[in-house]
Structures are given as C-alpha cells and as structure tokens.
Amino acid sequence: MGHKELAAQIRNRINELRSEQVMLRTFIASDQSRWEALEKAIGELNWVLELVLAEESE
C-alpha cells in the first residue's frame, strides 16, 4: 500500500469519526467519555496522517 492510499484511508476514517462525533452532540452530557475517546482517536489519526505525508514528501 502506497503512502497516498494510506493517507486517503486515514482521511476517510477521520471523516467517519467526525461524523460520529456530530451525531453525538445531542447526547454529550450522557456520552462525554465516548466524545473524548473520539476526539483522542481523531487527534492520533491526524498525527499518523502527518507522518505519512511527511514521509511521502521526502
């Protein structure tokens, strides 16, 4: 799997997690831990995406 394909898959997963987060907005009070877990996962995937893209540009 090339860097571009991996980056595309990571971006897609980030978008899926953000969509899930948006759907949770009305339930934030009861699902705060889930919201935080999604926020952490999105942050970690953004970090991985930056690493992949940095490798690609080298």
N, C-alpha and C. Protein backbone atom coordinates (compact mmCIF):
# COMPACT_ATOMS: atom_id res chain seq x y z
N MET A 1 0.85 -1.17 0.00
CA MET A 1 0.00 0.00 0.00
C MET A 1 0.90 1.24 0.00
N GLY A 2 0.64 2.14 -0.94
CA GLY A 2 1.43 3.36 -1.04
C GLY A 2 1.00 4.40 -0.02
N HIS A 3 1.86 5.40 0.13
CA HIS A 3 1.58 6.48 1.08
C HIS A 3 0.28 7.21 0.74
N LYS A 4 0.03 7.44 -0.54
CA LYS A 4 -1.18 8.17 -0.93
C LYS A 4 -2.43 7.38 -0.57
N GLU A 5 -2.41 6.08 -0.81
CA GLU A 5 -3.56 5.24 -0.48
C GLU A 5 -3.77 5.19 1.04
N LEU A 6 -2.68 5.06 1.79
CA LEU A 6 -2.77 5.04 3.24
C LEU A 6 -3.32 6.37 3.76
N ALA A 7 -2.81 7.47 3.22
CA ALA A 7 -3.29 8.80 3.63
C ALA A 7 -4.78 8.94 3.33
N ALA A 8 -5.22 8.46 2.19
CA ALA A 8 -6.64 8.54 1.84
C ALA A 8 -7.49 7.72 2.81
N GLN A 9 -7.02 6.55 3.19
CA GLN A 9 -7.76 5.71 4.13
C GLN A 9 -7.82 6.37 5.51
N ILE A 10 -6.73 7.00 5.92
CA ILE A 10 -6.71 7.68 7.22
C ILE A 10 -7.68 8.86 7.19
N ARG A 11 -7.66 9.64 6.10
CA ARG A 11 -8.59 10.78 5.98
C ARG A 11 -10.04 10.30 6.04
N ASN A 12 -10.33 9.20 5.35
CA ASN A 12 -11.69 8.66 5.37
C ASN A 12 -12.10 8.27 6.79
N ARG A 13 -11.21 7.65 7.52
CA ARG A 13 -11.53 7.24 8.89
C ARG A 13 -11.73 8.45 9.79
N ILE A 14 -10.91 9.48 9.61
CA ILE A 14 -11.08 10.72 10.38
C ILE A 14 -12.47 11.29 10.11
N ASN A 15 -12.87 11.31 8.85
CA ASN A 15 -14.20 11.84 8.49
C ASN A 15 -15.31 10.99 9.11
N GLU A 16 -15.15 9.67 9.13
CA GLU A 16 -16.15 8.80 9.76
C GLU A 16 -16.27 9.11 11.25
N LEU A 17 -15.13 9.27 11.92
CA LEU A 17 -15.15 9.57 13.35
C LEU A 17 -15.77 10.93 13.63
N ARG A 18 -15.48 11.92 12.79
CA ARG A 18 -16.08 13.24 12.96
C ARG A 18 -17.60 13.18 12.78
N SER A 19 -18.06 12.39 11.81
CA SER A 19 -19.50 12.24 11.61
C SER A 19 -20.14 11.62 12.85
N GLU A 20 -19.47 10.64 13.40
CA GLU A 20 -19.98 10.00 14.62
C GLU A 20 -20.03 11.01 15.76
N GLN A 21 -19.02 11.87 15.83
CA GLN A 21 -18.99 12.90 16.86
C GLN A 21 -20.16 13.87 16.69
N VAL A 22 -20.43 14.27 15.47
CA VAL A 22 -21.53 15.21 15.20
C VAL A 22 -22.85 14.61 15.66
N MET A 23 -23.05 13.32 15.39
CA MET A 23 -24.29 12.67 15.80
C MET A 23 -24.42 12.60 17.32
N LEU A 24 -23.30 12.66 18.03
CA LEU A 24 -23.33 12.58 19.49
C LEU A 24 -23.59 13.92 20.16
N ARG A 25 -23.54 15.01 19.43
CA ARG A 25 -23.66 16.33 20.06
C ARG A 25 -24.89 16.45 20.95
N THR A 26 -26.00 15.88 20.55
CA THR A 26 -27.21 15.99 21.36
C THR A 26 -27.14 15.12 22.61
N PHE A 27 -26.21 14.21 22.65
CA PHE A 27 -26.09 13.31 23.79
C PHE A 27 -24.81 13.53 24.59
N ILE A 28 -24.23 14.69 24.43
CA ILE A 28 -22.93 14.95 25.04
C ILE A 28 -22.92 14.70 26.54
N ALA A 29 -23.90 15.16 27.23
CA ALA A 29 -23.90 15.01 28.69
C ALA A 29 -23.81 13.54 29.09
N SER A 30 -24.53 12.68 28.40
CA SER A 30 -24.52 11.27 28.77
C SER A 30 -23.39 10.49 28.12
N ASP A 31 -22.82 11.02 27.05
CA ASP A 31 -21.77 10.29 26.32
C ASP A 31 -20.45 11.04 26.29
N GLN A 32 -20.14 11.76 27.35
CA GLN A 32 -18.91 12.56 27.38
C GLN A 32 -17.67 11.70 27.18
N SER A 33 -17.63 10.53 27.78
CA SER A 33 -16.44 9.69 27.63
C SER A 33 -16.28 9.20 26.19
N ARG A 34 -17.38 8.91 25.54
CA ARG A 34 -17.32 8.49 24.13
C ARG A 34 -16.83 9.65 23.26
N TRP A 35 -17.34 10.85 23.53
CA TRP A 35 -16.91 12.04 22.80
C TRP A 35 -15.39 12.23 22.95
N GLU A 36 -14.90 12.10 24.17
CA GLU A 36 -13.48 12.27 24.44
C GLU A 36 -12.64 11.20 23.74
N ALA A 37 -13.14 9.97 23.72
CA ALA A 37 -12.43 8.89 23.04
C ALA A 37 -12.35 9.16 21.54
N LEU A 38 -13.44 9.66 20.97
CA LEU A 38 -13.43 10.00 19.55
C LEU A 38 -12.47 11.15 19.27
N GLU A 39 -12.47 12.13 20.12
CA GLU A 39 -11.57 13.28 19.96
C GLU A 39 -10.11 12.81 19.99
N LYS A 40 -9.80 11.91 20.92
CA LYS A 40 -8.44 11.38 21.02
C LYS A 40 -8.08 10.57 19.77
N ALA A 41 -8.99 9.74 19.29
CA ALA A 41 -8.74 8.93 18.10
C ALA A 41 -8.51 9.81 16.87
N ILE A 42 -9.31 10.86 16.74
CA ILE A 42 -9.14 11.78 15.62
C ILE A 42 -7.77 12.46 15.70
N GLY A 43 -7.39 12.89 16.89
CA GLY A 43 -6.08 13.51 17.07
C GLY A 43 -4.94 12.57 16.72
N GLU A 44 -5.04 11.33 17.14
CA GLU A 44 -3.99 10.35 16.84
C GLU A 44 -3.93 10.06 15.35
N LEU A 45 -5.08 9.94 14.69
CA LEU A 45 -5.08 9.70 13.25
C LEU A 45 -4.53 10.90 12.48
N ASN A 46 -4.81 12.10 12.93
CA ASN A 46 -4.23 13.28 12.29
C ASN A 46 -2.71 13.27 12.43
N TRP A 47 -2.21 12.84 13.58
CA TRP A 47 -0.77 12.73 13.80
C TRP A 47 -0.15 11.71 12.84
N VAL A 48 -0.78 10.54 12.71
CA VAL A 48 -0.29 9.50 11.80
C VAL A 48 -0.33 10.01 10.36
N LEU A 49 -1.41 10.69 10.00
CA LEU A 49 -1.53 11.24 8.65
C LEU A 49 -0.39 12.21 8.36
N GLU A 50 -0.06 13.06 9.31
CA GLU A 50 1.05 14.00 9.13
C GLU A 50 2.36 13.26 8.92
N LEU A 51 2.58 12.18 9.67
CA LEU A 51 3.80 11.38 9.50
C LEU A 51 3.86 10.76 8.11
N VAL A 52 2.74 10.20 7.67
CA VAL A 52 2.68 9.56 6.35
C VAL A 52 2.95 10.58 5.26
N LEU A 53 2.33 11.74 5.36
CA LEU A 53 2.52 12.77 4.34
C LEU A 53 3.94 13.33 4.37
N ALA A 54 4.55 13.41 5.55
CA ALA A 54 5.93 13.88 5.65
C ALA A 54 6.87 12.87 5.00
N GLU A 55 6.64 11.59 5.20
CA GLU A 55 7.45 10.54 4.57
C GLU A 55 7.32 10.62 3.06
N GLU A 56 6.10 10.88 2.59
CA GLU A 56 5.84 10.94 1.16
C GLU A 56 6.61 12.09 0.51
N SER A 57 6.75 13.19 1.21
CA SER A 57 7.41 14.36 0.61
C SER A 57 8.95 14.26 0.65
N GLU A 58 9.45 13.28 1.36
CA GLU A 58 10.93 13.11 1.44
C GLU A 58 11.47 12.43 0.22
